[in-house]
Structures are given as structure tokens and as C-alpha cells.
N, C-alpha and C. Protein backbone atom coordinates (compact mmCIF):
# COMPACT_ATOMS: atom_id res chain seq x y z
N MET A 1 148.34 15.93 16.85
CA MET A 1 148.81 16.06 18.01
C MET A 1 150.62 15.21 17.71
N ASP A 2 151.42 15.74 18.80
CA ASP A 2 152.68 15.28 18.75
C ASP A 2 152.65 13.98 18.90
N PRO A 3 153.50 12.80 18.49
CA PRO A 3 153.67 11.68 19.11
C PRO A 3 154.36 11.04 20.43
N TRP A 4 154.82 12.05 21.15
CA TRP A 4 155.43 12.14 22.43
C TRP A 4 154.20 12.56 23.56
N LEU A 5 153.43 13.78 23.14
CA LEU A 5 152.41 13.67 23.73
C LEU A 5 151.36 12.91 23.75
N ILE A 6 151.30 12.04 23.00
CA ILE A 6 150.30 10.68 22.81
C ILE A 6 150.88 9.74 23.81
N SER A 7 151.88 9.11 23.80
CA SER A 7 152.79 8.68 24.54
C SER A 7 152.70 8.64 25.95
N LEU A 8 152.88 10.05 26.45
CA LEU A 8 152.72 10.60 27.65
C LEU A 8 151.13 10.30 28.22
N LEU A 9 150.33 10.92 27.37
CA LEU A 9 149.01 10.54 27.93
C LEU A 9 148.50 9.11 27.81
N VAL A 10 149.19 8.37 27.09
CA VAL A 10 148.84 6.66 27.40
C VAL A 10 149.56 6.35 28.74
N GLY A 11 150.85 6.75 28.87
CA GLY A 11 151.40 6.34 30.44
C GLY A 11 150.80 6.86 31.28
N LEU A 12 150.39 7.52 31.12
CA LEU A 12 149.60 8.43 32.31
C LEU A 12 148.33 7.57 32.59
N VAL A 13 147.36 7.26 31.59
CA VAL A 13 146.31 6.62 31.99
C VAL A 13 146.60 5.31 32.07
N LEU A 14 147.44 4.42 31.82
CA LEU A 14 148.28 3.15 32.43
C LEU A 14 148.42 3.36 34.04
N ASN A 15 149.15 4.32 34.18
CA ASN A 15 149.47 4.34 35.69
C ASN A 15 148.21 4.50 36.45
N VAL A 16 147.43 5.13 35.81
CA VAL A 16 146.38 5.54 36.77
C VAL A 16 145.53 4.31 37.11
N VAL A 17 145.07 3.38 35.96
CA VAL A 17 144.64 2.30 35.56
C VAL A 17 145.21 0.88 36.60
N SER A 18 146.46 1.20 36.58
CA SER A 18 147.36 0.28 37.47
C SER A 18 147.03 0.23 39.24
N TYR A 19 147.08 1.68 39.47
CA TYR A 19 147.01 2.09 40.60
C TYR A 19 145.49 1.50 41.17
N LEU A 20 144.36 1.69 40.34
CA LEU A 20 143.13 1.42 40.94
C LEU A 20 142.80 -0.02 40.91
N LEU A 21 143.77 -0.75 40.24
CA LEU A 21 143.48 -2.10 40.32
C LEU A 21 144.85 -3.07 41.24
N LEU A 22 145.07 -2.28 41.96
CA LEU A 22 146.14 -2.74 43.09
C LEU A 22 145.29 -3.14 43.97
N PRO A 23 145.67 -4.54 44.71
CA PRO A 23 144.89 -5.29 45.79
C PRO A 23 145.32 -4.27 47.02
N LYS A 24 143.56 -3.98 47.69
CA LYS A 24 143.79 -3.65 48.87
C LYS A 24 144.18 -4.17 49.94
N PRO A 25 145.04 -3.47 50.99
CA PRO A 25 145.58 -4.27 52.49
C PRO A 25 144.39 -4.68 53.23
N LYS A 26 144.35 -6.07 53.92
CA LYS A 26 143.21 -5.97 54.98
C LYS A 26 143.70 -5.32 56.16
N GLN A 27 142.33 -4.90 56.85
CA GLN A 27 142.11 -4.04 58.13
C GLN A 27 142.26 -4.99 59.18
N ASN A 28 143.06 -4.51 60.25
CA ASN A 28 142.80 -6.06 61.23
C ASN A 28 141.31 -5.48 61.88
N LYS A 29 140.66 -6.61 62.34
CA LYS A 29 139.60 -6.54 63.12
C LYS A 29 139.90 -6.09 64.24
N PRO A 30 138.63 -5.54 64.97
CA PRO A 30 139.10 -4.77 66.50
C PRO A 30 138.81 -5.65 66.95
N GLU A 31 139.08 -5.61 68.54
CA GLU A 31 139.24 -6.65 69.59
C GLU A 31 137.65 -7.53 69.77
N SER A 32 136.99 -6.10 69.65
CA SER A 32 135.43 -6.44 69.72
C SER A 32 134.90 -7.53 69.05
N ALA A 33 135.36 -7.56 67.97
CA ALA A 33 135.02 -8.12 66.48
C ALA A 33 135.68 -9.43 66.47
N ARG A 34 137.07 -9.88 66.80
CA ARG A 34 137.82 -10.88 67.08
C ARG A 34 136.99 -12.26 68.19
N ASN A 35 136.41 -11.38 69.19
CA ASN A 35 135.87 -12.23 70.24
C ASN A 35 134.28 -13.09 69.90
N MET A 36 133.56 -12.08 68.91
CA MET A 36 132.71 -12.63 68.26
C MET A 36 132.66 -13.94 67.07
N ASP A 37 133.88 -14.51 66.94
CA ASP A 37 133.79 -15.57 66.47
C ASP A 37 133.55 -16.82 66.90
N ASP A 38 133.88 -16.90 68.34
CA ASP A 38 133.64 -17.95 69.06
C ASP A 38 132.16 -18.32 69.60
N PRO A 39 131.40 -19.12 69.39
CA PRO A 39 130.07 -19.35 70.07
C PRO A 39 129.42 -18.46 71.60
N THR A 40 128.42 -17.73 71.56
CA THR A 40 128.16 -17.25 72.96
C THR A 40 126.82 -17.55 73.11
N ALA A 41 126.27 -16.98 74.22
CA ALA A 41 124.88 -17.22 74.48
C ALA A 41 124.88 -15.85 75.57
N GLU A 42 124.45 -14.43 74.46
CA GLU A 42 124.04 -13.19 74.81
C GLU A 42 122.58 -12.94 74.40
N ALA A 43 121.73 -12.22 75.78
CA ALA A 43 120.75 -11.45 75.11
C ALA A 43 120.95 -10.83 74.16
N GLY A 44 120.23 -10.29 73.35
CA GLY A 44 119.86 -9.11 72.33
C GLY A 44 120.40 -9.71 71.23
N ARG A 45 120.96 -10.58 71.08
CA ARG A 45 122.58 -10.50 69.77
C ARG A 45 120.96 -11.50 68.73
N GLU A 46 121.55 -10.62 67.55
CA GLU A 46 120.98 -11.52 66.63
C GLU A 46 120.94 -12.89 66.28
N ILE A 47 119.77 -13.76 65.93
CA ILE A 47 120.14 -15.17 65.77
C ILE A 47 119.79 -15.17 64.37
N PRO A 48 120.74 -15.93 63.44
CA PRO A 48 120.46 -15.72 61.73
C PRO A 48 119.58 -16.84 61.65
N VAL A 49 118.79 -16.66 60.44
CA VAL A 49 117.60 -17.53 59.99
C VAL A 49 118.42 -17.89 58.67
N VAL A 50 118.61 -19.64 58.32
CA VAL A 50 119.41 -20.03 57.23
C VAL A 50 118.22 -20.83 56.65
N PHE A 51 118.47 -20.42 55.23
CA PHE A 51 117.52 -21.39 54.47
C PHE A 51 118.83 -22.18 53.24
N GLY A 52 118.73 -23.36 53.52
CA GLY A 52 119.53 -24.31 52.82
C GLY A 52 120.91 -24.51 53.34
N THR A 53 121.85 -24.82 52.99
CA THR A 53 123.03 -25.21 53.35
C THR A 53 124.17 -24.17 53.60
N MET A 54 124.98 -23.64 54.64
CA MET A 54 125.53 -22.66 54.31
C MET A 54 126.35 -22.37 56.13
N THR A 55 127.69 -22.18 56.13
CA THR A 55 128.27 -22.14 57.52
C THR A 55 127.97 -20.53 57.88
N VAL A 56 127.86 -21.03 59.46
CA VAL A 56 127.23 -19.78 59.60
C VAL A 56 128.47 -19.29 61.12
N GLN A 57 128.86 -18.13 60.77
CA GLN A 57 129.78 -17.79 61.83
C GLN A 57 129.58 -16.88 62.89
N SER A 58 130.18 -17.12 64.19
CA SER A 58 129.75 -16.52 65.70
C SER A 58 128.33 -16.55 65.58
N LEU A 59 128.23 -18.17 66.12
CA LEU A 59 126.68 -18.38 66.42
C LEU A 59 126.22 -17.69 67.84
N ASN A 60 125.03 -17.61 68.58
CA ASN A 60 124.54 -17.22 69.50
C ASN A 60 124.07 -18.53 70.07
N VAL A 61 124.75 -19.24 70.81
CA VAL A 61 124.46 -20.83 70.97
C VAL A 61 123.40 -20.87 72.23
N LEU A 62 122.09 -21.21 72.00
CA LEU A 62 121.11 -21.15 73.30
C LEU A 62 120.84 -22.24 73.71
N TRP A 63 121.03 -23.58 72.79
CA TRP A 63 120.90 -25.05 73.33
C TRP A 63 121.73 -25.61 72.79
N TYR A 64 122.49 -26.66 73.15
CA TYR A 64 123.15 -27.78 72.23
C TYR A 64 122.69 -28.84 72.62
N GLY A 65 121.91 -30.09 71.95
CA GLY A 65 121.29 -31.20 72.22
C GLY A 65 122.41 -31.96 72.18
N ASP A 66 122.30 -33.18 72.52
CA ASP A 66 123.21 -34.67 72.31
C ASP A 66 124.20 -34.37 72.49
N LYS A 67 124.72 -34.40 73.79
CA LYS A 67 126.19 -34.19 74.17
C LYS A 67 126.07 -35.11 75.41
N THR A 68 126.88 -36.12 74.87
CA THR A 68 127.21 -37.59 75.65
C THR A 68 128.10 -37.65 76.16
N MET A 69 128.77 -38.75 77.22
CA MET A 69 130.12 -38.64 77.39
C MET A 69 130.38 -40.19 77.43
N LEU A 70 131.14 -40.49 76.89
CA LEU A 70 131.47 -42.23 76.68
C LEU A 70 132.60 -42.51 77.39
N THR A 71 132.91 -43.08 78.08
CA THR A 71 133.76 -43.85 78.89
C THR A 71 134.02 -45.53 78.42
N TYR A 72 135.42 -45.56 77.94
CA TYR A 72 136.02 -46.90 77.76
C TYR A 72 137.00 -47.64 78.76
N LYS A 73 136.77 -48.43 78.96
CA LYS A 73 137.61 -49.38 79.75
C LYS A 73 138.75 -50.04 78.73
N VAL A 74 140.15 -49.80 78.91
CA VAL A 74 141.19 -50.21 78.11
C VAL A 74 141.96 -51.36 79.00
N ASN A 75 142.16 -52.49 78.70
CA ASN A 75 143.11 -53.40 79.19
C ASN A 75 144.60 -53.17 78.57
N ALA A 76 145.36 -52.73 79.44
CA ALA A 76 146.86 -52.83 79.08
C ALA A 76 147.69 -54.05 79.02
């Protein structure tokens, strides 16, 4: 084979590999998925079961305990 044909094939292969390794652009979330980031209380929504320690996004809050309100009196 001719040396120019080999360099042409190597260049073509490198271009294809670099195209495949490009980072993909992030797609925007639909509006309905953005609303699910806040805790809600909806019937029929899945309740995640967690084993261990991890952060759970988009909680379905059914009850939140130990809510207390403290009032302080400040002398100015």
C-alpha cells in the first residue's frame, strides 16, 4: 500500500474515534420532571426503600416529625 493511503486511513480512524469520544450535550428536563424535585405528598407515587446511607431525591413526604417552633425574647 502507498504511504499516503495509510496516513489517510489512520487520519480517518482518528477522526471517527474523536467524534465518538466527544461529550454529549445535556438535555433539558421537562417541566413535569423539574416539579418532582421538591418533596410532595401524592397518592400512587413510589416510595423508595433505602438500605444504608444515601441521598434520596424527589421524596414523597407522608409525615415529618419533631417540628417545633422556638420563640426567643431578645432585650435590645
